[in-house]
């Protein structure tokens, strides 16, 4: 009777993120040194969920020893979802067993984590599964604010892009609307916006209620920022916003924006919605009501970041994750997500990462009550509740818009009605921060 040696498989679900190859390389080396062969499953679950086991790649130390320097994925990626059909989930288990794989490492975000959990349940002890959290959105709920791999590289490169756009904006007296990835959470947009000192950053978490954000409100936030900045002599600026703002919009506005298309995990393909161009047109139309003309350029950044070579932080972090994932599963570990906490490997059981309300992996949102977010808001140029309590400041904005103070209040006060009011001292400090910040960007403005 011929017996076949059991093997460890690895696959990548979802979209690319810097550091994938580092995980693959480290896990492969650890596995082979342990005496276990490693198999790369090409294109995520795409083929094996159909029962096709021909799309695999035998991995060796020679093949993977230097792939950690490069972006992309050595074994491809795919968003195909085996959990939508029990038959396809069963095919996935059967395909892995036919490949003689009894241990599997999955790399991906919350959707892939859910697929890994359901696969583990379907396998019922026949296949061990360990998941490595990956997403540039940084929205997997890792403890202690630990970032998901790929986020720091994406933020680093996004900062470089926005930094250059800020110089262009100042040089040419124009505005840039930069839309970043971030379907559910605004970590990437806020990380880029805060690091660069962008004029304004808008994230989904700022708008608490689902399907309540109107296009008019979003447009007037942007118009208010332009008017406020103009009142201090600055005709330029850069706004960073997360694409997930679209998911907060009212059903009426949302349907008007896009013919909804969804991926295999039932997620709206919001990367296909040109939010920046839509807002550009609407803001220019609204500014025309005040006789204000400005040049606005819409810029999406996301695909430029996903397959970038990882920065040293992500390169080291992902090699550690790959090593820990392989060691854990080879030592008998199962049904867990890999995490590194204060330099120590800590497995997170699948049952503990599931949101009881959704049955899926918990999503980490930006905490807008945090000091970190509060600091970010302090340095944004936008209308605030404090502006409406300072008649001198408000008069300047009204004059810039060419309308009366009362009319300015009537048109824009609704933007801040839900804002918490600061104390008088805080309000004065906030106003001073805004003035000094704008002046610090432009030495030509007299003090």
Protein backbone atom coordinates (compact mmCIF):
# COMPACT_ATOMS: atom_id res chain seq x y z
CA UNK A 1 0.00 0.00 0.00
CA UNK A 2 1.39 3.38 -1.07
CA UNK A 3 1.20 6.13 1.51
CA UNK A 4 1.73 9.76 0.66
CA UNK A 5 3.48 12.28 2.84
CA UNK A 6 1.13 14.91 4.25
CA UNK A 7 1.80 18.45 3.09
CA UNK A 8 1.18 22.01 4.22
CA UNK A 9 -0.73 24.27 1.82
CA UNK A 10 -0.87 28.05 1.64
CA UNK A 11 -3.20 30.38 -0.25
CA UNK A 12 -4.03 34.10 -0.46
CA UNK A 13 -7.58 35.46 -0.52
CA UNK A 14 -8.82 38.99 -1.19
CA UNK A 15 -6.69 41.71 -2.76
CA UNK A 16 -2.92 42.20 -2.77
CA UNK A 17 -1.08 43.85 0.14
CA UNK A 18 2.63 44.52 0.64
CA UNK A 19 4.22 41.67 2.58
CA UNK A 20 2.32 38.66 1.19
CA UNK A 21 5.49 37.17 -0.27
CA UNK A 22 7.30 37.56 3.05
CA UNK A 23 4.64 35.42 4.74
CA UNK A 24 4.83 32.81 1.99
CA UNK A 25 8.64 32.72 2.07
CA UNK A 26 9.00 32.47 5.85
CA UNK A 27 6.24 29.86 6.19
CA UNK A 28 7.76 27.76 3.40
CA UNK A 29 11.27 27.82 4.86
CA UNK A 30 9.99 26.93 8.34
CA UNK A 31 7.86 24.10 6.94
CA UNK A 32 10.63 22.53 4.86
CA UNK A 33 13.17 22.76 7.68
CA UNK A 34 10.59 20.95 9.79
CA UNK A 35 10.53 18.18 7.18
CA UNK A 36 7.12 19.04 5.71
CA UNK A 37 6.63 19.80 2.02
CA UNK A 38 4.93 23.09 1.12
CA UNK A 39 2.38 23.63 -1.66
CA UNK A 40 1.25 27.02 -2.94
CA UNK A 41 -2.39 27.00 -4.00
CA UNK A 42 -2.75 29.44 -6.89
CA UNK A 43 -5.41 32.16 -6.98
CA UNK A 44 -6.89 31.68 -3.54
CA UNK A 45 -9.97 29.45 -3.39
CA UNK A 46 -10.80 30.01 -7.07
CA UNK A 47 -9.85 26.61 -8.46
CA UNK A 48 -10.02 24.23 -5.51
CA UNK A 49 -13.61 25.27 -4.72
CA UNK A 50 -14.48 23.98 -8.21
CA UNK A 51 -12.71 20.69 -7.57
CA UNK A 52 -9.78 21.63 -9.83
CA UNK A 53 -6.46 20.66 -8.21
CA UNK A 54 -4.18 21.45 -11.17
CA UNK A 55 -3.44 25.06 -10.16
CA UNK A 56 -0.74 24.55 -7.54
CA UNK A 57 2.96 25.32 -7.20
CA UNK A 58 5.49 23.23 -5.34
CA UNK A 59 7.43 25.59 -3.08
CA UNK A 60 11.08 25.23 -2.14
CA UNK A 61 13.60 27.21 -0.12
CA UNK A 62 15.48 28.07 -3.32
CA UNK A 63 12.33 29.49 -4.92
CA UNK A 64 11.15 31.61 -2.00
CA UNK A 65 14.33 32.68 -0.21
CA UNK A 66 14.32 36.22 -1.66
CA UNK A 67 10.67 36.85 -2.54
CA UNK A 68 10.19 38.81 0.70
CA UNK A 69 11.74 41.87 -0.97
CA UNK A 70 8.95 42.05 -3.54
CA UNK A 71 5.32 43.11 -3.60
CA UNK A 72 2.48 41.19 -5.20
CA UNK A 73 1.84 37.53 -4.52
CA UNK A 74 4.04 34.66 -5.69
CA UNK A 75 0.97 32.41 -5.77
CA UNK A 76 -1.61 34.97 -6.92
CA UNK A 77 -4.78 36.14 -5.20
CA UNK A 78 -8.54 35.87 -5.79
CA UNK A 79 -11.74 36.98 -4.10
CA UNK A 80 -13.68 33.81 -4.91
CA UNK A 81 -15.81 32.77 -1.95
CA UNK A 82 -16.35 29.06 -1.17
CA UNK A 83 -18.82 29.78 1.64
CA UNK A 84 -21.68 30.93 -0.61
CA UNK A 85 -22.40 27.35 -1.70
CA UNK A 86 -22.04 24.32 0.62
CA UNK A 87 -21.08 22.20 -2.38
CA UNK A 88 -18.15 24.50 -3.18
CA UNK A 89 -17.03 24.46 0.44
CA UNK A 90 -17.14 20.66 0.32
CA UNK A 91 -15.19 20.75 -2.97
CA UNK A 92 -12.55 22.85 -1.25
CA UNK A 93 -12.07 20.30 1.52
CA UNK A 94 -12.02 17.42 -0.96
CA UNK A 95 -9.53 19.21 -3.22
CA UNK A 96 -7.15 19.80 -0.33
CA UNK A 97 -7.35 16.17 0.74
CA UNK A 98 -6.72 15.03 -2.86
CA UNK A 99 -3.60 17.20 -2.82
CA UNK A 100 -2.60 15.39 0.38
CA UNK A 101 -2.82 18.66 2.31
CA UNK A 102 -3.88 18.22 5.92
CA UNK A 103 -2.73 21.64 7.10
CA UNK A 104 -3.56 24.98 5.49
CA UNK A 105 -2.38 28.56 6.03
CA UNK A 106 -4.71 31.22 4.64
CA UNK A 107 -3.65 34.83 4.15
CA UNK A 108 -6.32 37.52 3.87
CA UNK A 109 -8.72 39.99 5.42
CA UNK A 110 -12.03 39.53 7.21
CA UNK A 111 -13.71 37.73 4.29
CA UNK A 112 -10.88 35.22 3.96
CA UNK A 113 -10.80 34.77 7.74
CA UNK A 114 -14.49 33.82 7.59
CA UNK A 115 -13.84 31.38 4.73
CA UNK A 116 -10.98 29.83 6.72
CA UNK A 117 -13.22 29.36 9.74
CA UNK A 118 -16.04 27.73 7.70
CA UNK A 119 -13.53 25.52 5.88
CA UNK A 120 -12.15 24.36 9.20
CA UNK A 121 -15.67 23.50 10.37
CA UNK A 122 -16.47 21.60 7.17
CA UNK A 123 -13.18 19.65 7.38
CA UNK A 124 -14.20 18.46 10.87
CA UNK A 125 -10.70 17.58 12.05
CA UNK A 126 -9.34 16.38 8.72
CA UNK A 127 -7.61 19.69 7.91
CA UNK A 128 -6.07 22.15 10.36
CA UNK A 129 -6.38 25.82 9.36
CA UNK A 130 -4.46 28.89 10.55
CA UNK A 131 -5.12 32.39 9.25
CA UNK A 132 -2.67 35.29 8.78
CA UNK A 133 -4.45 38.69 8.88
CA UNK A 134 -3.74 40.87 5.84
CA UNK A 135 -5.33 44.13 4.71
CA UNK A 136 -4.07 47.61 3.90
CA UNK A 137 -7.39 48.85 5.33
CA UNK A 138 -6.15 47.86 8.84
CA UNK A 139 -9.71 46.89 9.78
CA UNK A 140 -9.24 43.42 11.27
CA UNK A 141 -9.81 43.65 15.00
CA UNK A 142 -6.34 42.75 16.28
CA UNK A 143 -5.77 43.49 20.00
CA UNK A 144 -3.92 46.51 21.38
CA UNK A 145 -4.28 48.44 18.14
CA UNK A 146 -1.81 46.14 16.35
CA UNK A 147 -1.85 46.92 12.64
CA UNK A 148 -2.54 44.38 9.93
CA UNK A 149 0.34 43.77 7.59
CA UNK A 150 0.53 45.92 4.49
CA UNK A 151 -1.05 48.92 6.19
CA UNK A 152 2.20 50.64 7.12
CA UNK A 153 3.66 50.25 3.63
CA UNK A 154 0.44 51.52 2.02
CA UNK A 155 0.36 54.50 4.39
CA UNK A 156 4.04 55.24 3.78
CA UNK A 157 3.62 55.34 0.00
CA UNK A 158 0.31 57.19 0.27
CA UNK A 159 2.02 59.87 2.34
CA UNK A 160 4.65 60.34 -0.37
CA UNK A 161 1.94 60.81 -3.00
CA UNK A 162 -0.10 63.26 -0.92
CA UNK A 163 3.01 65.18 0.13
CA UNK A 164 3.79 65.83 -3.53
CA UNK A 165 0.18 66.77 -4.27
CA UNK A 166 0.28 69.31 -1.44
CA UNK A 167 3.25 71.04 -3.07
CA UNK A 168 1.46 70.97 -6.43
CA UNK A 169 -1.72 72.36 -4.87
CA UNK A 170 0.16 75.26 -3.28
CA UNK A 171 2.19 75.91 -6.43
CA UNK A 172 -0.81 75.95 -8.78
CA UNK A 173 -3.50 77.28 -6.39
CA UNK A 174 -5.77 74.28 -6.77
CA UNK A 175 -7.43 71.62 -4.65
CA UNK A 176 -6.90 67.86 -4.80
CA UNK A 177 -9.54 65.35 -3.71
CA UNK A 178 -7.65 62.17 -2.88
CA UNK A 179 -9.75 59.03 -2.41
CA UNK A 180 -8.05 56.11 -0.67
CA UNK A 181 -9.06 52.52 -0.10
CA UNK A 182 -11.01 51.78 3.06
CA UNK A 183 -14.32 50.03 2.44
CA UNK A 184 -15.47 49.82 6.04
CA UNK A 185 -12.97 51.82 8.06
CA UNK A 186 -10.96 55.01 7.56
CA UNK A 187 -7.60 53.95 9.03
CA UNK A 188 -5.67 54.36 5.79
CA UNK A 189 -7.20 57.73 4.88
CA UNK A 190 -6.70 59.07 8.40
CA UNK A 191 -3.18 57.66 8.61
CA UNK A 192 -2.20 59.41 5.38
CA UNK A 193 -4.09 62.62 6.12
CA UNK A 194 -2.77 63.00 9.64
CA UNK A 195 0.84 62.22 8.76
CA UNK A 196 0.89 64.72 5.88
CA UNK A 197 -1.12 67.41 7.61
CA UNK A 198 -3.66 67.34 4.78
CA UNK A 199 -6.18 70.19 4.80
CA UNK A 200 -9.06 67.87 5.63
CA UNK A 201 -9.62 64.14 6.06
CA UNK A 202 -13.05 62.51 5.87
CA UNK A 203 -13.71 58.95 7.06
CA UNK A 204 -16.87 56.81 7.35
CA UNK A 205 -16.72 56.61 11.16
CA UNK A 206 -17.41 60.33 11.38
CA UNK A 207 -20.94 59.66 10.16
CA UNK A 208 -22.42 57.26 12.68
CA UNK A 209 -25.71 56.29 11.06
CA UNK A 210 -25.76 53.95 8.08
CA UNK A 211 -27.38 55.29 4.90
CA UNK A 212 -27.92 58.76 6.41
CA UNK A 213 -25.07 60.78 4.90
CA UNK A 214 -26.45 62.96 2.12
CA UNK A 215 -24.45 64.08 -0.88
CA UNK A 216 -25.44 67.67 0.02
CA UNK A 217 -23.83 67.38 3.45
CA UNK A 218 -20.63 65.92 2.07
CA UNK A 219 -20.46 68.64 -0.57
CA UNK A 220 -21.09 71.42 1.95
CA UNK A 221 -18.38 70.12 4.29
CA UNK A 222 -15.96 70.48 1.38
CA UNK A 223 -17.37 73.85 0.31
CA UNK A 224 -17.17 75.12 3.90
CA UNK A 225 -13.51 74.10 4.08
CA UNK A 226 -12.72 75.92 0.83
CA UNK A 227 -14.47 79.09 2.02
CA UNK A 228 -12.76 78.96 5.41
CA UNK A 229 -9.34 78.50 3.83
CA UNK A 230 -9.98 81.24 1.28
CA UNK A 231 -10.82 83.63 4.10
CA UNK A 232 -7.20 83.29 5.24
CA UNK A 233 -5.82 83.83 1.74
CA UNK A 234 -5.29 80.21 0.75
CA UNK A 235 -6.89 79.12 -2.56
CA UNK A 236 -5.43 75.61 -2.35
CA UNK A 237 -5.75 72.45 -0.32
CA UNK A 238 -5.71 68.66 -0.27
CA UNK A 239 -8.60 66.56 1.02
CA UNK A 240 -8.05 62.88 1.83
CA UNK A 241 -11.17 60.75 2.03
CA UNK A 242 -11.91 57.04 2.43
CA UNK A 243 -13.88 55.32 -0.33
CA UNK A 244 -16.15 53.84 2.35
CA UNK A 245 -17.93 57.19 2.65
CA UNK A 246 -20.06 55.93 -0.22
CA UNK A 247 -21.45 53.17 2.03
CA UNK A 248 -22.71 55.79 4.51
CA UNK A 249 -24.73 57.65 1.91
CA UNK A 250 -28.51 57.72 1.82
CA UNK A 251 -30.13 55.14 -0.43
CA UNK A 252 -31.41 57.84 -2.77
CA UNK A 253 -27.99 59.44 -3.25
CA UNK A 254 -26.25 56.06 -3.41
CA UNK A 255 -28.50 54.76 -6.18
CA UNK A 256 -28.03 57.98 -8.09
CA UNK A 257 -24.25 57.59 -7.92
CA UNK A 258 -23.77 54.07 -9.13
CA UNK A 259 -25.23 51.01 -10.76
CA UNK A 260 -24.34 48.67 -7.89
CA UNK A 261 -22.02 45.76 -8.70
CA UNK A 262 -20.87 43.32 -6.02
CA UNK A 263 -17.96 40.91 -5.62
CA UNK A 264 -18.03 37.25 -4.57
CA UNK A 265 -18.33 38.24 -0.89
CA UNK A 266 -21.34 40.48 -1.64
CA UNK A 267 -19.30 43.65 -1.16
CA UNK A 268 -20.14 46.64 -3.33
CA UNK A 269 -17.27 47.36 -5.73
CA UNK A 270 -16.82 50.88 -4.43
CA UNK A 271 -13.37 51.17 -6.02
CA UNK A 272 -15.26 51.43 -9.31
CA UNK A 273 -17.21 54.49 -8.10
CA UNK A 274 -15.39 57.68 -9.00
CA UNK A 275 -16.25 59.49 -5.80
CA UNK A 276 -13.63 62.17 -6.32
CA UNK A 277 -14.97 63.21 -9.74
CA UNK A 278 -18.55 63.23 -8.47
CA UNK A 279 -17.65 65.48 -5.54
CA UNK A 280 -15.50 67.70 -7.74
CA UNK A 281 -18.45 68.44 -10.04
CA UNK A 282 -20.90 68.98 -7.19
CA UNK A 283 -18.55 71.21 -5.17
CA UNK A 284 -17.77 73.40 -8.16
CA UNK A 285 -21.48 73.74 -8.85
CA UNK A 286 -22.13 74.74 -5.23
CA UNK A 287 -19.22 77.22 -5.16
CA UNK A 288 -20.63 78.89 -8.26
CA UNK A 289 -23.63 79.93 -6.14
CA UNK A 290 -21.19 82.15 -4.19
CA UNK A 291 -19.32 83.36 -7.25
CA UNK A 292 -16.25 81.34 -6.27
CA UNK A 293 -14.20 79.53 -8.90
CA UNK A 294 -11.57 76.96 -8.02
CA UNK A 295 -9.72 74.20 -9.80
CA UNK A 296 -10.24 70.75 -8.29
CA UNK A 297 -8.40 67.58 -9.34
CA UNK A 298 -9.72 64.16 -8.30
CA UNK A 299 -7.14 61.46 -7.59
CA UNK A 300 -7.71 57.85 -6.50
CA UNK A 301 -4.86 56.05 -4.75
CA UNK A 302 -5.16 52.40 -3.90
CA UNK A 303 -4.04 50.11 -6.69
CA UNK A 304 -0.69 51.97 -6.63
CA UNK A 305 -0.20 50.82 -3.02
CA UNK A 306 -1.33 47.20 -2.98
CA UNK A 307 1.56 45.53 -4.82
CA UNK A 308 4.36 47.81 -3.66
CA UNK A 309 7.54 46.34 -2.23
CA UNK A 310 7.08 46.26 1.56
CA UNK A 311 8.93 48.77 3.71
CA UNK A 312 11.29 47.24 6.33
CA UNK A 313 8.58 47.31 9.01
CA UNK A 314 6.20 45.14 6.99
CA UNK A 315 9.04 43.00 5.64
CA UNK A 316 10.12 42.01 9.16
CA UNK A 317 6.58 41.83 10.55
CA UNK A 318 5.34 39.50 7.82
CA UNK A 319 8.33 37.19 8.02
CA UNK A 320 7.59 36.82 11.73
CA UNK A 321 3.91 36.14 10.98
CA UNK A 322 4.77 33.52 8.35
CA UNK A 323 7.21 31.76 10.67
CA UNK A 324 4.74 31.76 13.57
CA UNK A 325 1.86 30.53 11.40
CA UNK A 326 3.91 27.59 10.11
CA UNK A 327 5.39 26.70 13.49
CA UNK A 328 1.99 26.84 15.20
CA UNK A 329 0.19 24.65 12.70
CA UNK A 330 3.08 22.18 12.41
CA UNK A 331 3.13 21.87 16.22
CA UNK A 332 -0.55 20.88 16.19
CA UNK A 333 -2.23 24.29 16.33
CA UNK A 334 -5.57 24.79 14.62
CA UNK A 335 -8.52 27.15 14.10
CA UNK A 336 -6.73 30.37 15.00
CA UNK A 337 -5.56 33.67 13.60
CA UNK A 338 -1.90 34.62 14.04
CA UNK A 339 -0.96 37.71 16.03
CA UNK A 340 2.23 39.17 17.48
CA UNK A 341 1.73 41.05 20.72
CA UNK A 342 4.67 42.83 22.33
CA UNK A 343 7.03 40.60 20.37
CA UNK A 344 5.31 37.39 21.42
CA UNK A 345 3.22 35.04 19.27
CA UNK A 346 -0.38 34.86 20.46
CA UNK A 347 -2.92 32.70 18.61
CA UNK A 348 -6.45 34.14 18.46
CA UNK A 349 -9.06 31.38 18.34
CA UNK A 350 -11.51 31.67 15.46
CA UNK A 351 -14.41 31.63 17.92
CA UNK A 352 -12.98 34.70 19.66
CA UNK A 353 -12.55 36.85 16.53
CA UNK A 354 -16.16 36.43 15.39
CA UNK A 355 -18.68 39.23 15.82
CA UNK A 356 -21.78 37.59 17.38
CA UNK A 357 -24.05 40.04 15.54
CA UNK A 358 -22.73 39.28 12.05
CA UNK A 359 -21.22 35.82 12.45
CA UNK A 360 -18.16 37.14 10.63
CA UNK A 361 -14.73 38.39 11.67
CA UNK A 362 -14.93 41.53 13.81
CA UNK A 363 -14.14 44.78 12.00
CA UNK A 364 -11.98 47.42 13.68
CA UNK A 365 -13.17 50.98 13.11
CA UNK A 366 -11.41 54.27 13.83
CA UNK A 367 -12.34 55.38 17.34
CA UNK A 368 -13.42 58.99 16.80
CA UNK A 369 -13.51 59.50 20.58
CA UNK A 370 -9.78 58.83 20.85
CA UNK A 371 -7.14 61.46 21.53
CA UNK A 372 -5.45 60.47 18.28
CA UNK A 373 -8.53 61.35 16.23
CA UNK A 374 -9.16 64.50 18.27
CA UNK A 375 -5.65 65.73 17.45
CA UNK A 376 -6.26 65.02 13.75
CA UNK A 377 -9.45 67.11 13.86
CA UNK A 378 -7.64 69.99 15.57
CA UNK A 379 -5.41 70.43 12.54
CA UNK A 380 -8.08 70.11 9.86
CA UNK A 381 -9.33 73.25 8.13
CA UNK A 382 -13.10 72.82 8.21
CA UNK A 383 -16.14 74.48 9.68
CA UNK A 384 -16.68 73.59 13.33
CA UNK A 385 -19.22 74.38 16.02
CA UNK A 386 -16.74 76.85 17.51
CA UNK A 387 -16.69 78.87 14.29
CA UNK A 388 -20.37 79.60 14.69
CA UNK A 389 -19.77 80.87 18.23
CA UNK A 390 -17.17 83.41 17.09
CA UNK A 391 -18.88 86.27 15.21
CA UNK A 392 -15.56 87.67 13.96
CA UNK A 393 -14.50 84.42 12.34
CA UNK A 394 -17.98 83.81 10.98
CA UNK A 395 -18.10 87.30 9.47
CA UNK A 396 -14.91 86.58 7.52
CA UNK A 397 -16.35 83.37 6.07
CA UNK A 398 -19.61 85.10 5.16
CA UNK A 399 -17.68 87.91 3.43
CA UNK A 400 -15.66 85.36 1.45
CA UNK A 401 -18.90 83.71 0.34
CA UNK A 402 -20.41 87.10 -0.50
CA UNK A 403 -23.45 86.58 1.74
CA UNK A 404 -24.66 87.92 5.06
CA UNK A 405 -23.59 86.40 8.35
CA UNK A 406 -27.14 85.20 9.01
CA UNK A 407 -27.38 83.65 5.56
CA UNK A 408 -24.06 81.86 6.04
CA UNK A 409 -25.32 80.51 9.33
CA UNK A 410 -28.59 79.39 7.70
CA UNK A 411 -26.80 77.52 4.92
CA UNK A 412 -23.95 75.88 6.83
CA UNK A 413 -24.85 75.57 10.51
CA UNK A 414 -26.48 72.16 9.94
CA UNK A 415 -22.99 70.73 9.39
CA UNK A 416 -22.06 71.18 13.04
CA UNK A 417 -25.37 70.61 14.83
CA UNK A 418 -24.28 67.20 16.10
CA UNK A 419 -20.81 68.35 17.10
CA UNK A 420 -19.84 68.57 20.73
CA UNK A 421 -19.13 72.16 21.70
CA UNK A 422 -15.79 72.95 23.24
CA UNK A 423 -15.33 75.14 26.27
CA UNK A 424 -14.68 78.84 25.61
CA UNK A 425 -10.95 78.38 26.25
CA UNK A 426 -10.84 75.36 23.98
CA UNK A 427 -12.73 77.22 21.27
CA UNK A 428 -10.26 80.10 21.33
CA UNK A 429 -7.33 77.70 21.25
CA UNK A 430 -8.89 75.79 18.35
CA UNK A 431 -9.40 78.97 16.34
CA UNK A 432 -5.81 80.03 17.08
CA UNK A 433 -4.55 76.59 15.99
CA UNK A 434 -6.32 76.97 12.64
CA UNK A 435 -4.95 80.47 11.99
CA UNK A 436 -1.39 79.63 13.01
CA UNK A 437 -1.47 76.36 11.04
CA UNK A 438 -2.54 78.09 7.85
CA UNK A 439 0.07 80.82 8.33
CA UNK A 440 2.79 78.28 8.99
CA UNK A 441 2.11 76.75 5.59
CA UNK A 442 2.35 80.12 3.84
CA UNK A 443 5.12 82.50 4.99
CA UNK A 444 3.76 85.19 2.65
CA UNK A 445 0.76 85.78 4.94
CA UNK A 446 1.58 88.62 7.28
CA UNK A 447 1.24 87.97 10.97
